[in-house]
C-alpha cells in the first residue's frame, strides 16, 4: 500500500470546480476548489511513488436521504476528479496512472467523510 487517509466531508462537485470568464475565454478553479486541494495535500503523508499503474479506492460516507426521507440525487462521481487531481499533485505523478478506481458510497445518518486508499496495481 502506498498510503491511505480520511477526512471529514466530501470533495466539491466537478460542477462547482471552475469559474468561467466567457468574454476572456478563460477558466480557473474556484476558491473552494483551491482550498479543498490544499487541504487534501496536507493529509497525504510524504511518500515516494514509482511511475507505475495505480489503484485508488474511495469510500464516500454520507446521508443518502433528506429529512423528508426522499433520496438525494447526489452524484459522487462528480467528486472524484478534483480529489484525484489533488492526490496526483501531492504525490508528484500524472493522474493518468490511476487505472483502477473503486468508488463506494456508504449511507450514514451521522457521518459525512471520505476515505482514500492508494496502492500499486
Protein backbone atom coordinates (compact mmCIF):
# COMPACT_ATOMS: atom_id res chain seq x y z
CA UNK A 1 0.00 0.00 0.00
CA UNK A 2 1.26 3.48 -0.87
CA UNK A 3 -0.92 5.45 1.53
CA UNK A 4 -4.37 5.92 2.98
CA UNK A 5 -6.10 8.88 4.56
CA UNK A 6 -9.51 10.10 5.62
CA UNK A 7 -11.16 13.50 6.02
CA UNK A 8 -14.46 14.89 7.17
CA UNK A 9 -16.76 15.94 4.36
CA UNK A 10 -16.93 15.29 0.64
CA UNK A 11 -14.97 16.84 -2.22
CA UNK A 12 -16.63 19.68 -4.12
CA UNK A 13 -18.56 18.56 -7.17
CA UNK A 14 -16.99 18.90 -10.61
CA UNK A 15 -19.89 21.23 -11.39
CA UNK A 16 -18.62 23.65 -8.70
CA UNK A 17 -14.92 23.40 -9.58
CA UNK A 18 -14.49 26.19 -12.10
CA UNK A 19 -15.17 29.84 -12.55
CA UNK A 20 -15.57 30.87 -16.17
CA UNK A 21 -14.97 34.23 -17.80
CA UNK A 22 -16.76 33.72 -21.10
CA UNK A 23 -15.66 37.08 -22.56
CA UNK A 24 -12.00 36.27 -21.86
CA UNK A 25 -12.36 32.60 -22.77
CA UNK A 26 -10.68 31.63 -19.51
CA UNK A 27 -11.45 29.20 -16.72
CA UNK A 28 -9.88 28.77 -13.31
CA UNK A 29 -10.51 26.84 -10.13
CA UNK A 30 -12.90 28.34 -7.62
CA UNK A 31 -11.55 29.38 -4.20
CA UNK A 32 -13.47 26.42 -2.73
CA UNK A 33 -11.71 24.01 -5.11
CA UNK A 34 -8.27 25.51 -4.32
CA UNK A 35 -8.91 25.27 -0.58
CA UNK A 36 -10.04 21.66 -0.92
CA UNK A 37 -6.96 20.65 -2.93
CA UNK A 38 -4.63 22.28 -0.40
CA UNK A 39 -6.41 20.58 2.50
CA UNK A 40 -6.15 17.15 0.85
CA UNK A 41 -2.48 17.62 0.01
CA UNK A 42 -1.72 18.27 3.68
CA UNK A 43 -3.38 14.96 4.68
CA UNK A 44 -1.24 12.80 2.41
CA UNK A 45 1.98 11.62 4.02
CA UNK A 46 5.17 12.25 2.05
CA UNK A 47 5.84 9.09 0.08
CA UNK A 48 7.88 8.27 -2.98
CA UNK A 49 5.79 6.75 -5.75
CA UNK A 50 7.19 4.76 -8.65
CA UNK A 51 5.88 5.62 -12.11
CA UNK A 52 3.67 2.52 -12.20
CA UNK A 53 -0.01 1.91 -12.64
CA UNK A 54 -2.05 2.67 -9.55
CA UNK A 55 -5.32 1.66 -7.93
CA UNK A 56 -7.41 4.02 -5.85
CA UNK A 57 -10.23 3.05 -3.52
CA UNK A 58 -12.54 5.87 -2.42
CA UNK A 59 -15.33 5.48 0.12
CA UNK A 60 -17.80 8.33 0.50
CA UNK A 61 -19.90 8.15 3.65
CA UNK A 62 -22.93 10.44 3.83
CA UNK A 63 -26.67 10.51 4.42
CA UNK A 64 -28.47 9.27 1.29
CA UNK A 65 -31.79 10.86 2.29
CA UNK A 66 -33.29 14.26 3.01
CA UNK A 67 -35.16 14.82 6.28
CA UNK A 68 -38.43 14.04 4.46
CA UNK A 69 -36.95 10.58 3.55
CA UNK A 70 -36.64 11.36 -0.17
CA UNK A 71 -33.48 10.10 -1.83
CA UNK A 72 -30.85 12.76 -2.53
CA UNK A 73 -29.80 12.92 -6.17
CA UNK A 74 -26.11 13.24 -5.36
CA UNK A 75 -23.56 12.18 -7.97
CA UNK A 76 -20.35 11.29 -6.13
CA UNK A 77 -18.69 10.50 -9.47
CA UNK A 78 -18.55 14.29 -9.91
CA UNK A 79 -16.40 14.46 -6.77
CA UNK A 80 -13.67 12.09 -7.95
CA UNK A 81 -11.83 14.36 -10.40
CA UNK A 82 -10.75 17.10 -8.01
CA UNK A 83 -9.80 14.56 -5.35
CA UNK A 84 -7.66 12.52 -7.76
CA UNK A 85 -6.04 15.69 -9.14
CA UNK A 86 -5.07 16.80 -5.63
CA UNK A 87 -3.64 13.38 -4.79
CA UNK A 88 -1.63 13.21 -8.02
CA UNK A 89 -0.20 16.69 -7.44
CA UNK A 90 0.84 15.81 -3.89
CA UNK A 91 2.45 12.53 -4.99
CA UNK A 92 4.16 14.26 -7.93
CA UNK A 93 2.64 11.95 -10.53
CA UNK A 94 0.34 12.21 -13.53
CA UNK A 95 -3.25 11.36 -12.65
CA UNK A 96 -3.43 9.12 -15.73
CA UNK A 97 -1.52 6.49 -13.69
CA UNK A 98 -4.73 5.73 -11.77
CA UNK A 99 -6.03 2.84 -13.88
CA UNK A 100 -8.31 1.15 -11.37
CA UNK A 101 -10.85 3.21 -9.46
CA UNK A 102 -13.13 1.63 -6.91
CA UNK A 103 -15.71 4.05 -5.51
CA UNK A 104 -18.18 3.08 -2.81
CA UNK A 105 -20.97 5.13 -1.27
CA UNK A 106 -21.93 4.23 2.30
CA UNK A 107 -25.07 5.50 3.99
CA UNK A 108 -24.73 7.12 7.41
CA UNK A 109 -27.14 9.42 9.16
CA UNK A 110 -24.39 10.75 11.44
CA UNK A 111 -21.19 10.93 9.43
CA UNK A 112 -20.00 12.63 6.26
CA UNK A 113 -16.48 11.59 5.35
CA UNK A 114 -14.16 10.45 2.59
CA UNK A 115 -11.68 7.60 2.93
CA UNK A 116 -8.96 7.03 0.32
CA UNK A 117 -6.53 4.16 -0.16
CA UNK A 118 -3.87 4.12 -2.89
CA UNK A 119 -1.84 1.11 -3.99
CA UNK A 120 0.03 -0.27 -6.97
CA UNK A 121 -1.91 -2.45 -9.41
